[in-house]
C-alpha atoms as a PDB file:
ATOM      1  CA  MET A   1     -18.524 -13.324  10.567  1.00  0.00           C
ATOM      2  CA  CYS A   2     -17.743 -15.624   7.811  1.00  0.00           C
ATOM      3  CA  ASP A   3     -19.852 -13.724   5.360  1.00  0.00           C
ATOM      4  CA  TYR A   4     -17.830 -10.740   5.846  1.00  0.00           C
ATOM      5  CA  PHE A   5     -14.465 -12.851   5.671  1.00  0.00           C
ATOM      6  CA  LEU A   6     -13.771 -13.145   1.947  1.00  0.00           C
ATOM      7  CA  THR A   7     -14.405  -9.340   1.779  1.00  0.00           C
ATOM      8  CA  LEU A   8     -12.453  -8.456   4.244  1.00  0.00           C
ATOM      9  CA  ARG A   9      -9.444 -10.294   3.187  1.00  0.00           C
ATOM     10  CA  MET A  10      -9.749  -9.082  -0.571  1.00  0.00           C
ATOM     11  CA  ILE A  11      -9.301  -5.915   0.777  1.00  0.00           C
ATOM     12  CA  HIS A  12      -6.561  -6.616   3.056  1.00  0.00           C
ATOM     13  CA  MET A  13      -4.816  -8.127   0.018  1.00  0.00           C
ATOM     14  CA  MET A  14      -5.482  -5.243  -2.371  1.00  0.00           C
ATOM     15  CA  CYS A  15      -3.991  -2.849   0.268  1.00  0.00           C
ATOM     16  CA  ALA A  16      -0.581  -4.882   0.941  1.00  0.00           C
ATOM     17  CA  GLY A  17      -0.650  -5.270  -3.204  1.00  0.00           C
ATOM     18  CA  LEU A  18      -1.072  -1.763  -3.449  1.00  0.00           C
ATOM     19  CA  SER A  19       2.012  -1.198  -0.823  1.00  0.00           C
ATOM     20  CA  ILE A  20       4.388  -3.016  -2.290  1.00  0.00           C
ATOM     21  CA  LEU A  21       3.404  -1.514  -5.736  1.00  0.00           C
ATOM     22  CA  GLY A  22       3.798   2.113  -4.640  1.00  0.00           C
ATOM     23  CA  PHE A  23       7.867   0.923  -3.300  1.00  0.00           C
ATOM     24  CA  ILE A  24       8.811  -0.633  -6.313  1.00  0.00           C
ATOM     25  CA  VAL A  25       7.319   2.384  -8.404  1.00  0.00           C
ATOM     26  CA  ARG A  26       9.448   4.652  -5.792  1.00  0.00           C
ATOM     27  CA  TRP A  27      12.675   2.227  -6.112  1.00  0.00           C
ATOM     28  CA  ILE A  28      12.097   2.305 -10.077  1.00  0.00           C
ATOM     29  CA  TRP A  29      11.935   6.236 -10.015  1.00  0.00           C
ATOM     30  CA  MET A  30      15.043   6.274  -7.907  1.00  0.00           C
ATOM     31  CA  LEU A  31      16.898   4.197 -10.262  1.00  0.00           C
ATOM     32  CA  THR A  32      16.514   6.446 -13.354  1.00  0.00           C
ATOM     33  CA  GLY A  33      16.476   9.731 -11.331  1.00  0.00           C
ATOM     34  CA  SER A  34      12.809  10.630 -11.968  1.00  0.00           C
ATOM     35  CA  PRO A  35      11.987  13.902  -9.797  1.00  0.00           C
ATOM     36  CA  LEU A  36       8.660  12.016  -8.860  1.00  0.00           C
ATOM     37  CA  HIS A  37      10.705  10.191  -6.642  1.00  0.00           C
ATOM     38  CA  ALA A  38      11.393  13.123  -4.606  1.00  0.00           C
ATOM     39  CA  ALA A  39       7.230  14.281  -4.732  1.00  0.00           C
ATOM     40  CA  ARG A  40       5.831  14.339  -1.381  1.00  0.00           C
ATOM     41  CA  MET A  41       2.836  12.616  -2.282  1.00  0.00           C
ATOM     42  CA  THR A  42       5.085   9.344  -3.691  1.00  0.00           C
ATOM     43  CA  LYS A  43       6.471   9.284  -0.509  1.00  0.00           C
ATOM     44  CA  ILE A  44       3.521   8.966   1.767  1.00  0.00           C
ATOM     45  CA  VAL A  45       0.881   6.598  -0.253  1.00  0.00           C
ATOM     46  CA  PRO A  46       2.733   3.700   0.484  1.00  0.00           C
ATOM     47  CA  HIS A  47       2.728   4.297   4.121  1.00  0.00           C
ATOM     48  CA  ILE A  48      -0.771   4.905   4.020  1.00  0.00           C
ATOM     49  CA  ALA A  49      -1.637   1.839   2.290  1.00  0.00           C
ATOM     50  CA  ILE A  50       0.860  -0.469   4.810  1.00  0.00           C
ATOM     51  CA  ARG A  51      -1.228   1.334   7.422  1.00  0.00           C
ATOM     52  CA  CYS A  52      -4.563   0.476   6.356  1.00  0.00           C
ATOM     53  CA  CYS A  53      -3.552  -2.899   5.785  1.00  0.00           C
ATOM     54  CA  SER A  54      -1.641  -3.354   9.130  1.00  0.00           C
ATOM     55  CA  GLN A  55      -4.478  -1.970  10.950  1.00  0.00           C
ATOM     56  CA  ALA A  56      -7.630  -3.722   9.492  1.00  0.00           C
ATOM     57  CA  PRO A  57      -7.041  -6.912  10.953  1.00  0.00           C
ATOM     58  CA  SER A  58      -6.968  -5.377  14.345  1.00  0.00           C
ATOM     59  CA  ARG A  59     -10.378  -3.839  14.406  1.00  0.00           C
ATOM     60  CA  TRP A  60     -11.837  -7.182  12.868  1.00  0.00           C
END
């Protein structure tokens, strides 16, 4: 278990970082009035990253 801990922790931290980055980018697009803010994929991707991040520890 200890051998995989750092790898799993790195994956977990990357998912969390990507999720936060996605929400920040959407927020900036909302402030600037960009049409990308309303795109379907930009609404879905941050939530997928959160889902992976929150579900991965329960599977360890």
